[in-house]
Amino acid sequence: MAVAQASTSLELAAGKLHALGSVVPVDGRISWFAESARGYTPLLCYLLTDDTGDLLVDTSLPLIRET
């Protein structure tokens, strides 16, 4: 899948918290969108780091309709 924008890492707290993300095209190939949907969607997660290890927190998929 082509990435519409380069993946980025933004340090939110020095050495402790990073926001990781990218924007990908919605063009019928992403299964959680309707085949007819078009545009772009952000994909985001956060990386928490400390001396004992790392934790990657996925913010989940965007909601596109009522559930």
N, C-alpha and C. Protein backbone atom coordinates (compact mmCIF):
# COMPACT_ATOMS: atom_id res chain seq x y z
N MET A 1 0.85 -1.17 0.00
CA MET A 1 0.00 0.00 0.00
C MET A 1 0.90 1.23 0.00
N ALA A 2 0.63 2.13 -0.88
CA ALA A 2 1.40 3.37 -0.96
C ALA A 2 1.05 4.28 0.20
N VAL A 3 2.04 4.94 0.73
CA VAL A 3 1.83 5.91 1.80
C VAL A 3 1.77 7.29 1.17
N ALA A 4 0.72 8.04 1.47
CA ALA A 4 0.52 9.35 0.87
C ALA A 4 1.47 10.40 1.43
N GLN A 5 1.91 10.19 2.64
CA GLN A 5 2.80 11.14 3.29
C GLN A 5 3.84 10.31 4.03
N ALA A 6 5.06 10.79 4.10
CA ALA A 6 6.09 10.05 4.81
C ALA A 6 5.68 9.81 6.26
N SER A 7 6.01 8.64 6.77
CA SER A 7 5.75 8.35 8.17
C SER A 7 6.52 9.33 9.04
N THR A 8 5.92 9.71 10.16
CA THR A 8 6.57 10.68 11.02
C THR A 8 6.63 10.19 12.46
N SER A 9 7.59 10.71 13.18
CA SER A 9 7.74 10.48 14.61
C SER A 9 7.90 11.84 15.27
N LEU A 10 7.03 12.11 16.22
CA LEU A 10 7.08 13.38 16.93
C LEU A 10 7.33 13.10 18.40
N GLU A 11 8.42 13.62 18.94
CA GLU A 11 8.72 13.43 20.35
C GLU A 11 7.84 14.37 21.18
N LEU A 12 6.97 13.78 22.01
CA LEU A 12 6.06 14.57 22.84
C LEU A 12 6.63 14.82 24.23
N ALA A 13 7.43 13.89 24.74
CA ALA A 13 8.11 14.04 26.02
C ALA A 13 9.50 13.44 25.84
N ALA A 14 10.51 14.22 26.08
CA ALA A 14 11.89 13.82 25.79
C ALA A 14 12.24 12.42 26.29
N GLY A 15 12.53 11.53 25.35
CA GLY A 15 12.95 10.17 25.67
C GLY A 15 11.88 9.29 26.27
N LYS A 16 10.65 9.77 26.38
CA LYS A 16 9.59 9.02 27.06
C LYS A 16 8.37 8.73 26.19
N LEU A 17 7.98 9.67 25.32
CA LEU A 17 6.74 9.51 24.58
C LEU A 17 6.89 10.06 23.16
N HIS A 18 6.56 9.21 22.18
CA HIS A 18 6.58 9.60 20.77
C HIS A 18 5.23 9.31 20.14
N ALA A 19 4.80 10.20 19.28
CA ALA A 19 3.62 9.95 18.44
C ALA A 19 4.15 9.48 17.09
N LEU A 20 3.61 8.36 16.61
CA LEU A 20 4.03 7.79 15.33
C LEU A 20 2.83 7.79 14.41
N GLY A 21 3.01 8.21 13.17
CA GLY A 21 1.86 8.23 12.30
C GLY A 21 2.19 8.41 10.84
N SER A 22 1.14 8.25 10.05
CA SER A 22 1.23 8.42 8.62
C SER A 22 -0.18 8.65 8.09
N VAL A 23 -0.27 9.00 6.83
CA VAL A 23 -1.55 9.14 6.15
C VAL A 23 -1.52 8.20 4.95
N VAL A 24 -2.58 7.41 4.79
CA VAL A 24 -2.64 6.47 3.68
C VAL A 24 -3.89 6.74 2.84
N PRO A 25 -3.83 6.43 1.55
CA PRO A 25 -4.99 6.66 0.70
C PRO A 25 -6.10 5.66 0.96
N VAL A 26 -7.33 6.13 0.92
CA VAL A 26 -8.52 5.27 0.98
C VAL A 26 -8.97 5.14 -0.47
N ASP A 27 -8.72 3.99 -1.05
CA ASP A 27 -8.96 3.82 -2.49
C ASP A 27 -9.56 2.46 -2.83
N GLY A 28 -10.27 1.87 -1.87
CA GLY A 28 -10.91 0.58 -2.12
C GLY A 28 -10.12 -0.62 -1.66
N ARG A 29 -8.87 -0.42 -1.21
CA ARG A 29 -8.03 -1.54 -0.80
C ARG A 29 -7.99 -1.77 0.71
N ILE A 30 -8.48 -0.82 1.50
CA ILE A 30 -8.47 -0.97 2.96
C ILE A 30 -9.81 -1.57 3.38
N SER A 31 -9.78 -2.73 4.01
CA SER A 31 -10.99 -3.51 4.25
C SER A 31 -11.99 -2.86 5.20
N TRP A 32 -11.55 -1.98 6.08
CA TRP A 32 -12.50 -1.39 7.04
C TRP A 32 -13.22 -0.16 6.49
N PHE A 33 -12.95 0.23 5.26
CA PHE A 33 -13.69 1.29 4.58
C PHE A 33 -14.55 0.67 3.47
N ALA A 34 -15.67 1.30 3.18
CA ALA A 34 -16.50 0.86 2.05
C ALA A 34 -15.66 0.93 0.78
N GLU A 35 -15.90 -0.01 -0.14
CA GLU A 35 -15.13 -0.02 -1.39
C GLU A 35 -15.24 1.29 -2.16
N SER A 36 -16.37 1.97 -2.00
CA SER A 36 -16.58 3.23 -2.74
C SER A 36 -15.95 4.44 -2.05
N ALA A 37 -15.50 4.30 -0.81
CA ALA A 37 -14.92 5.43 -0.06
C ALA A 37 -13.61 5.87 -0.71
N ARG A 38 -13.39 7.16 -0.75
CA ARG A 38 -12.16 7.72 -1.31
C ARG A 38 -11.67 8.85 -0.42
N GLY A 39 -10.39 9.10 -0.47
CA GLY A 39 -9.78 10.15 0.32
C GLY A 39 -8.51 9.64 0.98
N TYR A 40 -8.24 10.13 2.18
CA TYR A 40 -7.06 9.74 2.94
C TYR A 40 -7.46 9.55 4.39
N THR A 41 -6.72 8.70 5.11
CA THR A 41 -7.00 8.50 6.53
C THR A 41 -5.69 8.47 7.31
N PRO A 42 -5.67 9.06 8.50
CA PRO A 42 -4.48 9.00 9.34
C PRO A 42 -4.42 7.67 10.09
N LEU A 43 -3.23 7.16 10.28
CA LEU A 43 -2.99 5.99 11.12
C LEU A 43 -2.00 6.43 12.19
N LEU A 44 -2.40 6.33 13.46
CA LEU A 44 -1.60 6.87 14.55
C LEU A 44 -1.39 5.86 15.66
N CYS A 45 -0.27 5.98 16.35
CA CYS A 45 -0.02 5.22 17.57
C CYS A 45 0.98 6.01 18.41
N TYR A 46 1.15 5.59 19.65
CA TYR A 46 2.06 6.26 20.57
C TYR A 46 3.04 5.25 21.13
N LEU A 47 4.30 5.63 21.26
CA LEU A 47 5.34 4.78 21.82
C LEU A 47 5.79 5.36 23.15
N LEU A 48 5.54 4.62 24.22
CA LEU A 48 5.98 4.99 25.56
C LEU A 48 7.26 4.22 25.86
N THR A 49 8.28 4.91 26.35
CA THR A 49 9.58 4.30 26.59
C THR A 49 10.06 4.62 28.00
N ASP A 50 10.60 3.61 28.68
CA ASP A 50 11.29 3.85 29.95
C ASP A 50 12.39 2.82 30.11
N ASP A 51 13.04 2.80 31.26
CA ASP A 51 14.19 1.92 31.48
C ASP A 51 13.82 0.44 31.48
N THR A 52 12.56 0.11 31.72
CA THR A 52 12.16 -1.29 31.79
C THR A 52 11.65 -1.84 30.47
N GLY A 53 11.37 -0.97 29.50
CA GLY A 53 10.89 -1.45 28.20
C GLY A 53 10.08 -0.41 27.46
N ASP A 54 9.43 -0.86 26.42
CA ASP A 54 8.64 0.02 25.56
C ASP A 54 7.21 -0.51 25.47
N LEU A 55 6.27 0.39 25.24
CA LEU A 55 4.88 0.03 25.07
C LEU A 55 4.33 0.81 23.88
N LEU A 56 3.82 0.08 22.88
CA LEU A 56 3.22 0.71 21.71
C LEU A 56 1.71 0.70 21.90
N VAL A 57 1.10 1.90 21.88
CA VAL A 57 -0.34 2.05 22.08
C VAL A 57 -0.97 2.41 20.74
N ASP A 58 -1.80 1.49 20.22
CA ASP A 58 -2.50 1.71 18.96
C ASP A 58 -3.80 2.43 19.26
N THR A 59 -4.06 3.54 18.59
CA THR A 59 -5.27 4.32 18.86
C THR A 59 -6.49 3.78 18.12
N SER A 60 -6.33 2.69 17.41
CA SER A 60 -7.41 1.97 16.74
C SER A 60 -7.78 2.64 15.42
N LEU A 61 -8.81 2.11 14.81
CA LEU A 61 -9.25 2.56 13.50
C LEU A 61 -10.21 3.74 13.63
N PRO A 62 -10.24 4.59 12.63
CA PRO A 62 -11.21 5.70 12.67
C PRO A 62 -12.64 5.17 12.49
N LEU A 63 -13.57 5.77 13.18
CA LEU A 63 -14.98 5.41 12.99
C LEU A 63 -15.51 6.14 11.76
N ILE A 64 -16.21 5.42 10.92
CA ILE A 64 -16.71 6.05 9.70
C ILE A 64 -18.23 6.02 9.62
N ARG A 65 -18.88 5.41 10.62
CA ARG A 65 -20.34 5.39 10.68
C ARG A 65 -20.76 4.98 12.08
N GLU A 66 -22.03 5.17 12.38
CA GLU A 66 -22.54 4.75 13.68
C GLU A 66 -22.48 3.24 13.81
N THR A 67 -22.19 2.77 15.02
CA THR A 67 -22.14 1.32 15.25
C THR A 67 -23.23 0.89 16.18
